[in-house]
Amino acid sequence: MDIEFLSKLVKSVGVSGYEDEIAELTKSEMEKYTDSVEIDILGNVIGLKKGNGKGKIMLAAHMDEIGFVVSHIDKNGFIFVSPVGGINVKTLVGTRVIVHGKDKYYGVMGSMPPHVKKEEKELSIEDIFVDTGAKNKEEVLEKGIDIGSIITYEGDLKKLSGNRYTSKTMDDRIGVFILIETLKRVKSPYDVYFVATVQEEVGLRGAKVSGYKISPDIAIAIDVTLAMDVPDVKEHKMVTELGKGPAITVMDRSVIGNRKLNSFMEKIAEEEKIPLQRNILTRGGTDAGSIHLIKEGVVSTTLSIPTRFVHSPVECIDMGDVENAVKLLVKVLETETLGKNFCKTYF
């Protein structure tokens, strides 16, 4: 697998609503392997690999990342922020970030030191500020940083022990990576749409628009899920584990995975000896949550990569799970009975 390309994906800028940079990178890579690629009005990248027309299948992975926008700059040059997407405030103090103005400027997130606080309270986003080293507000403004400027986590892809990697934006650049790897390998009889969506982190918005345009017979979202194989997590709360294979979604807050499609994929995984976990989340959702409600309804589910430390700058995955996700998707997309069972345009 192309680790160099994955490194480019995780480093690219793409806060929800500001996905231009990651969209161009994704589009340029898709163009090598698709029959057509377009970027729609909302910013989704839609690549089509044509088959024999007997069915339309949509794979969707979101490009956008969680981040921040500048909400206030005080007279001393400290920057206050509003979150874009779900942010765990506990992960922020001491985090390195990049503030985007005329150029990319490094900053550090901080808060009032606990030993000077008069009373203890739970940290909130209002307590967080970014220090770029500027001495005053004028110096910040001269850099082209103002209200609405975006801020992203700083960091790139790092290899850990064995086959494991850590980076910012694994959620969901690893899904986009799987999208591309599947596109490169698959020879499907169906028309397969490979969609890198926008604004998932703020309400599954890009998937709703692109799904309506495509109107697929089947949709599979590719995303991350919680790997809870860490200390002090009780066994019954261990959603998934690293290295045990990708996970098929039984249910999350946005979708109940289509039971027949899930069973179909599990059967193929068993036949091909591809490890596969089951995923149930009481919080969070994926692009499948929007797509399955389009028009008269779409047969939908989600295939997820177990990920530790989700929505932090150090999200961690096992590349074995990624490889197995690609293998499973290729086998599913190349299976003749998929169309017979699920594609209304097959006959």
Protein backbone atom coordinates (compact mmCIF):
# COMPACT_ATOMS: atom_id res chain seq x y z
CA MET A 1 0.00 0.00 0.00
CA ASP A 2 1.09 3.53 -0.78
CA ILE A 3 2.18 4.88 2.61
CA GLU A 4 3.68 7.96 0.95
CA PHE A 5 0.25 8.91 -0.39
CA LEU A 6 -1.32 8.29 3.03
CA SER A 7 1.24 10.71 4.46
CA LYS A 8 0.12 13.36 1.98
CA LEU A 9 -3.54 12.75 2.83
CA VAL A 10 -3.18 13.19 6.58
CA LYS A 11 -1.12 16.38 6.21
CA SER A 12 -3.51 18.09 3.78
CA VAL A 13 -5.76 20.86 5.07
CA GLY A 14 -9.47 20.13 5.13
CA VAL A 15 -11.44 21.49 8.06
CA SER A 16 -15.17 21.08 7.43
CA GLY A 17 -16.23 23.69 4.88
CA TYR A 18 -12.61 24.37 3.89
CA GLU A 19 -11.76 21.13 2.05
CA ASP A 20 -10.27 22.66 -1.12
CA GLU A 21 -6.70 21.42 -0.58
CA ILE A 22 -7.58 17.83 0.30
CA ALA A 23 -10.19 17.76 -2.48
CA GLU A 24 -7.62 18.68 -5.15
CA LEU A 25 -5.19 16.03 -3.88
CA THR A 26 -7.92 13.39 -3.88
CA LYS A 27 -9.22 14.39 -7.31
CA SER A 28 -5.74 14.25 -8.88
CA GLU A 29 -5.23 10.72 -7.54
CA MET A 30 -8.69 9.50 -8.58
CA GLU A 31 -8.16 10.76 -12.13
CA LYS A 32 -5.50 8.05 -12.64
CA TYR A 33 -7.96 5.22 -12.15
CA THR A 34 -11.52 6.42 -12.91
CA ASP A 35 -13.51 7.07 -16.08
CA SER A 36 -14.57 10.47 -14.78
CA VAL A 37 -14.08 12.71 -11.75
CA GLU A 38 -15.90 15.86 -10.69
CA ILE A 39 -16.12 18.18 -7.72
CA ASP A 40 -19.73 19.12 -7.04
CA ILE A 41 -21.15 22.40 -5.74
CA LEU A 42 -20.66 21.50 -2.08
CA GLY A 43 -17.12 20.24 -2.69
CA ASN A 44 -17.52 16.46 -2.79
CA VAL A 45 -15.09 14.61 -5.06
CA ILE A 46 -17.03 12.05 -7.11
CA GLY A 47 -15.13 9.50 -9.17
CA LEU A 48 -16.87 6.94 -11.39
CA LYS A 49 -15.41 3.62 -12.48
CA LYS A 50 -17.84 2.23 -15.05
CA GLY A 51 -18.95 -1.38 -15.20
CA ASN A 52 -21.70 -2.89 -17.31
CA GLY A 53 -24.40 -0.63 -15.93
CA LYS A 54 -26.03 -3.40 -13.90
CA GLY A 55 -26.25 -1.55 -10.64
CA LYS A 56 -24.89 1.59 -9.00
CA ILE A 57 -22.76 1.29 -5.90
CA MET A 58 -21.49 4.21 -3.84
CA LEU A 59 -18.48 4.09 -1.55
CA ALA A 60 -18.18 7.19 0.63
CA ALA A 61 -15.40 8.39 2.92
CA HIS A 62 -15.25 11.90 4.31
CA MET A 63 -12.32 14.23 3.60
CA ASP A 64 -13.02 16.82 6.25
CA GLU A 65 -11.24 17.02 9.56
CA ILE A 66 -12.16 18.49 12.91
CA GLY A 67 -10.52 21.82 13.66
CA PHE A 68 -11.19 25.38 14.73
CA VAL A 69 -11.99 28.84 13.45
CA VAL A 70 -10.71 32.04 15.01
CA SER A 71 -13.50 33.68 17.02
CA HIS A 72 -11.58 36.46 18.80
CA ILE A 73 -8.10 38.00 18.96
CA ASP A 74 -7.31 39.90 22.15
CA LYS A 75 -5.10 42.98 22.43
CA ASN A 76 -2.09 40.87 23.43
CA GLY A 77 -2.33 38.68 20.32
CA PHE A 78 -3.86 35.60 21.94
CA ILE A 79 -6.36 33.84 19.67
CA PHE A 80 -9.63 32.36 20.93
CA VAL A 81 -11.41 29.70 18.92
CA SER A 82 -14.70 28.03 18.08
CA PRO A 83 -14.64 24.28 17.36
CA VAL A 84 -15.54 22.79 13.99
CA GLY A 85 -16.76 19.27 14.70
CA GLY A 86 -16.57 17.32 17.93
CA ILE A 87 -13.63 18.42 20.07
CA ASN A 88 -12.48 16.82 23.32
CA VAL A 89 -11.21 19.85 25.26
CA LYS A 90 -9.08 17.61 27.49
CA THR A 91 -6.77 16.89 24.54
CA LEU A 92 -6.09 20.54 23.69
CA VAL A 93 -3.79 22.09 26.31
CA GLY A 94 -0.21 21.86 25.07
CA THR A 95 -1.26 20.82 21.55
CA ARG A 96 0.61 22.25 18.59
CA VAL A 97 -1.56 23.76 15.87
CA ILE A 98 -1.25 25.58 12.56
CA VAL A 99 -3.07 28.88 12.11
CA HIS A 100 -3.88 29.59 8.47
CA GLY A 101 -3.49 33.18 7.28
CA LYS A 102 -1.29 34.54 4.49
CA ASP A 103 0.89 31.54 5.29
CA LYS A 104 0.81 28.67 7.77
CA TYR A 105 1.85 29.82 11.25
CA TYR A 106 2.65 27.55 14.16
CA GLY A 107 0.87 28.00 17.46
CA VAL A 108 0.38 26.28 20.79
CA MET A 109 -2.92 25.79 22.57
CA GLY A 110 -3.01 26.78 26.21
CA SER A 111 -5.21 27.83 29.11
CA MET A 112 -4.74 29.55 32.44
CA PRO A 113 -2.33 27.41 34.50
CA PRO A 114 -4.25 25.42 37.13
CA HIS A 115 -2.10 26.69 40.03
CA VAL A 116 -3.26 30.29 39.47
CA LYS A 117 -6.95 29.52 39.23
CA LYS A 118 -9.06 30.61 42.16
CA GLU A 119 -11.43 27.67 41.81
CA GLU A 120 -11.40 24.35 40.04
CA LYS A 121 -13.81 23.83 37.17
CA GLU A 122 -14.07 21.59 34.18
CA LEU A 123 -12.10 22.99 31.26
CA SER A 124 -14.24 24.36 28.40
CA ILE A 125 -13.43 25.65 24.92
CA GLU A 126 -13.85 29.21 26.23
CA ASP A 127 -10.78 28.63 28.43
CA ILE A 128 -8.58 27.70 25.47
CA PHE A 129 -6.43 30.15 23.54
CA VAL A 130 -3.75 29.88 20.86
CA ASP A 131 -0.34 31.47 21.32
CA THR A 132 1.50 32.13 18.03
CA GLY A 133 4.21 34.15 19.73
CA ALA A 134 2.70 37.42 18.54
CA LYS A 135 3.14 40.39 20.88
CA ASN A 136 -0.17 42.08 20.06
CA LYS A 137 -3.32 41.93 17.96
CA GLU A 138 -1.83 44.03 15.16
CA GLU A 139 0.95 41.50 14.63
CA VAL A 140 -1.63 38.71 14.25
CA LEU A 141 -3.72 40.71 11.77
CA GLU A 142 -0.61 41.49 9.68
CA LYS A 143 -0.24 37.75 9.11
CA GLY A 144 -3.68 37.63 7.49
CA ILE A 145 -5.21 35.95 10.52
CA ASP A 146 -8.66 37.27 11.41
CA ILE A 147 -12.09 36.16 12.56
CA GLY A 148 -12.98 33.04 10.58
CA SER A 149 -9.41 31.95 9.83
CA ILE A 150 -9.03 28.20 10.27
CA ILE A 151 -6.77 26.34 12.67
CA THR A 152 -5.68 22.72 12.24
CA TYR A 153 -3.72 20.30 14.36
CA GLU A 154 0.00 20.12 13.58
CA GLY A 155 1.54 16.71 12.92
CA ASP A 156 2.25 14.11 10.29
CA LEU A 157 2.25 10.34 9.86
CA LYS A 158 4.50 8.42 12.26
CA LYS A 159 5.17 4.68 12.32
CA LEU A 160 4.79 2.98 15.67
CA SER A 161 5.70 -0.59 16.56
CA GLY A 162 4.85 -3.29 14.05
CA ASN A 163 2.21 -2.34 11.52
CA ARG A 164 0.71 0.56 13.45
CA TYR A 165 0.71 4.24 12.57
CA THR A 166 -0.36 7.43 14.28
CA SER A 167 -1.34 10.81 12.90
CA LYS A 168 -3.84 13.60 13.02
CA THR A 169 -6.84 13.21 10.67
CA MET A 170 -6.88 9.42 10.45
CA ASP A 171 -10.57 10.25 10.85
CA ASP A 172 -11.24 9.98 8.03
CA ARG A 173 -8.25 10.23 5.71
CA ILE A 174 -7.71 6.53 6.31
CA GLY A 175 -11.16 6.07 4.77
CA VAL A 176 -10.17 8.15 1.74
CA PHE A 177 -7.00 6.05 1.51
CA ILE A 178 -9.08 2.85 1.49
CA LEU A 179 -11.32 4.42 -1.16
CA ILE A 180 -8.31 5.01 -3.43
CA GLU A 181 -6.70 1.62 -2.75
CA THR A 182 -9.99 -0.12 -3.57
CA LEU A 183 -10.37 1.98 -6.72
CA LYS A 184 -6.88 0.94 -7.87
CA ARG A 185 -7.54 -2.80 -7.46
CA VAL A 186 -11.19 -3.44 -8.19
CA LYS A 187 -12.65 -4.76 -11.46
CA SER A 188 -16.37 -4.59 -10.80
CA PRO A 189 -19.27 -5.39 -13.14
CA TYR A 190 -21.16 -2.48 -11.55
CA ASP A 191 -20.88 1.27 -11.92
CA VAL A 192 -18.98 2.17 -8.77
CA TYR A 193 -18.90 5.73 -7.46
CA PHE A 194 -15.97 6.58 -5.22
CA VAL A 195 -16.98 9.65 -3.23
CA ALA A 196 -14.79 11.70 -0.91
CA THR A 197 -17.34 13.73 0.99
CA VAL A 198 -17.27 17.09 2.73
CA GLN A 199 -18.73 18.36 6.02
CA GLU A 200 -19.30 14.96 7.61
CA GLU A 201 -18.03 16.17 10.96
CA VAL A 202 -20.70 18.88 11.15
CA GLY A 203 -23.73 16.84 10.13
CA LEU A 204 -23.12 14.32 7.30
CA ARG A 205 -23.86 17.07 4.78
CA GLY A 206 -21.72 16.19 1.78
CA ALA A 207 -22.97 12.60 1.71
CA LYS A 208 -26.57 13.81 1.57
CA VAL A 209 -25.91 15.93 -1.50
CA SER A 210 -23.70 13.47 -3.39
CA GLY A 211 -25.92 10.52 -2.52
CA TYR A 212 -28.98 12.33 -3.86
CA LYS A 213 -27.12 13.06 -7.10
CA ILE A 214 -25.94 9.46 -7.58
CA SER A 215 -29.05 7.70 -6.22
CA PRO A 216 -27.19 4.40 -5.70
CA ASP A 217 -28.62 0.93 -5.20
CA ILE A 218 -26.08 0.22 -2.46
CA ALA A 219 -23.95 2.51 -0.31
CA ILE A 220 -21.03 1.60 1.92
CA ALA A 221 -19.54 4.34 4.07
CA ILE A 222 -15.90 3.94 5.10
CA ASP A 223 -14.95 5.55 8.38
CA VAL A 224 -13.21 4.98 11.70
CA THR A 225 -14.66 3.55 14.88
CA LEU A 226 -13.53 3.38 18.49
CA ALA A 227 -10.78 0.91 19.34
CA MET A 228 -11.25 0.59 23.08
CA ASP A 229 -8.51 -1.99 23.72
CA VAL A 230 -6.75 0.28 26.21
CA PRO A 231 -6.20 0.07 29.99
CA ASP A 232 -9.16 0.17 32.37
CA VAL A 233 -11.85 -0.34 29.71
CA LYS A 234 -14.25 -3.09 30.73
CA GLU A 235 -14.60 -5.97 28.29
CA HIS A 236 -18.27 -5.27 27.52
CA LYS A 237 -17.41 -1.68 26.54
CA MET A 238 -14.61 -2.68 24.17
CA VAL A 239 -16.25 -1.67 20.88
CA THR A 240 -13.44 -2.93 18.62
CA GLU A 241 -9.76 -3.83 18.88
CA LEU A 242 -6.76 -2.92 16.74
CA GLY A 243 -5.50 -5.67 14.48
CA LYS A 244 -8.66 -7.79 14.62
CA GLY A 245 -9.94 -6.63 11.25
CA PRO A 246 -12.27 -3.86 10.03
CA ALA A 247 -15.72 -3.59 11.61
CA ILE A 248 -19.16 -3.82 10.05
CA THR A 249 -21.74 -1.50 11.61
CA VAL A 250 -24.67 -3.13 13.32
CA MET A 251 -25.91 0.21 14.62
CA ASP A 252 -24.81 3.72 15.48
CA ARG A 253 -26.74 6.94 16.14
CA SER A 254 -27.13 7.69 12.42
CA VAL A 255 -27.94 4.30 10.85
CA ILE A 256 -28.88 0.71 11.51
CA GLY A 257 -26.74 -1.21 9.04
CA ASN A 258 -28.80 -3.08 6.47
CA ARG A 259 -28.95 -6.58 7.94
CA LYS A 260 -28.98 -8.42 4.60
CA LEU A 261 -26.01 -6.43 3.28
CA ASN A 262 -24.12 -6.95 6.53
CA SER A 263 -24.75 -10.71 6.37
CA PHE A 264 -23.66 -10.74 2.72
CA MET A 265 -20.37 -9.02 3.56
CA GLU A 266 -19.79 -11.23 6.61
CA LYS A 267 -20.27 -14.34 4.48
CA ILE A 268 -17.68 -13.14 1.96
CA ALA A 269 -15.28 -12.26 4.78
CA GLU A 270 -15.68 -15.76 6.20
CA GLU A 271 -15.14 -17.41 2.81
CA GLU A 272 -12.04 -15.32 2.12
CA LYS A 273 -10.72 -15.70 5.69
CA ILE A 274 -10.78 -11.92 6.19
CA PRO A 275 -11.11 -10.99 9.88
CA LEU A 276 -14.17 -8.83 10.53
CA GLN A 277 -15.54 -7.31 13.73
CA ARG A 278 -19.02 -6.03 14.54
CA ASN A 279 -19.49 -2.42 15.55
CA ILE A 280 -22.17 -0.91 17.80
CA LEU A 281 -21.85 2.75 18.80
CA THR A 282 -24.23 4.64 21.04
CA ARG A 283 -22.68 7.95 19.93
CA GLY A 284 -21.58 9.28 16.57
CA GLY A 285 -22.53 8.42 13.02
CA THR A 286 -21.19 8.11 9.49
CA ASP A 287 -22.08 9.15 5.95
CA ALA A 288 -24.35 6.11 5.72
CA GLY A 289 -26.67 7.96 8.08
CA SER A 290 -27.50 10.49 5.36
CA ILE A 291 -27.28 8.22 2.33
CA HIS A 292 -29.69 5.52 3.52
CA LEU A 293 -32.53 8.08 3.76
CA ILE A 294 -32.20 9.43 0.20
CA LYS A 295 -35.32 9.32 -2.00
CA GLU A 296 -37.06 5.96 -1.45
CA GLY A 297 -34.16 4.64 0.64
CA VAL A 298 -30.76 3.08 -0.07
CA VAL A 299 -29.37 -0.26 1.12
CA SER A 300 -26.54 1.02 3.32
CA THR A 301 -23.97 0.09 5.92
CA THR A 302 -20.57 1.23 7.19
CA LEU A 303 -17.19 -0.48 7.18
CA SER A 304 -14.95 1.04 9.82
CA ILE A 305 -11.30 0.97 10.82
CA PRO A 306 -10.71 0.53 14.57
CA THR A 307 -8.89 3.65 15.78
CA ARG A 308 -7.47 4.61 19.14
CA PHE A 309 -7.65 8.20 20.43
CA VAL A 310 -10.31 9.33 17.93
CA HIS A 311 -10.73 13.11 17.53
CA SER A 312 -7.25 13.84 18.81
CA PRO A 313 -3.96 14.77 17.08
CA VAL A 314 -2.59 11.24 17.62
CA GLU A 315 -5.20 8.87 16.18
CA CYS A 316 -3.76 5.36 15.89
CA ILE A 317 -4.60 2.56 13.43
CA ASP A 318 -3.28 -0.86 12.39
CA MET A 319 -2.49 -1.12 8.67
CA GLY A 320 -3.47 -4.79 8.74
CA ASP A 321 -7.06 -3.68 9.35
CA VAL A 322 -6.76 -1.28 6.41
CA GLU A 323 -5.47 -3.99 4.07
CA ASN A 324 -8.27 -6.33 5.12
CA ALA A 325 -10.86 -3.60 4.53
CA VAL A 326 -9.58 -3.12 0.99
CA LYS A 327 -9.56 -6.88 0.34
CA LEU A 328 -13.14 -7.21 1.57
CA LEU A 329 -14.43 -4.26 -0.46
CA VAL A 330 -12.78 -5.56 -3.64
CA LYS A 331 -14.32 -9.02 -3.17
CA VAL A 332 -17.76 -7.56 -2.43
CA LEU A 333 -17.68 -5.25 -5.45
CA GLU A 334 -16.58 -8.04 -7.77
CA THR A 335 -19.24 -10.52 -6.63
CA GLU A 336 -21.99 -11.24 -9.16
CA THR A 337 -24.59 -12.08 -6.49
CA LEU A 338 -24.25 -8.60 -4.97
CA GLY A 339 -26.19 -7.12 -7.89
CA LYS A 340 -28.71 -9.93 -8.01
CA ASN A 341 -29.52 -9.45 -4.34
CA PHE A 342 -29.45 -5.69 -3.95
CA CYS A 343 -29.41 -3.75 -7.24
CA LYS A 344 -32.85 -2.80 -8.53
CA THR A 345 -31.32 -1.96 -11.93
CA TYR A 346 -29.60 -5.36 -12.28
CA PHE A 347 -32.28 -7.16 -14.30
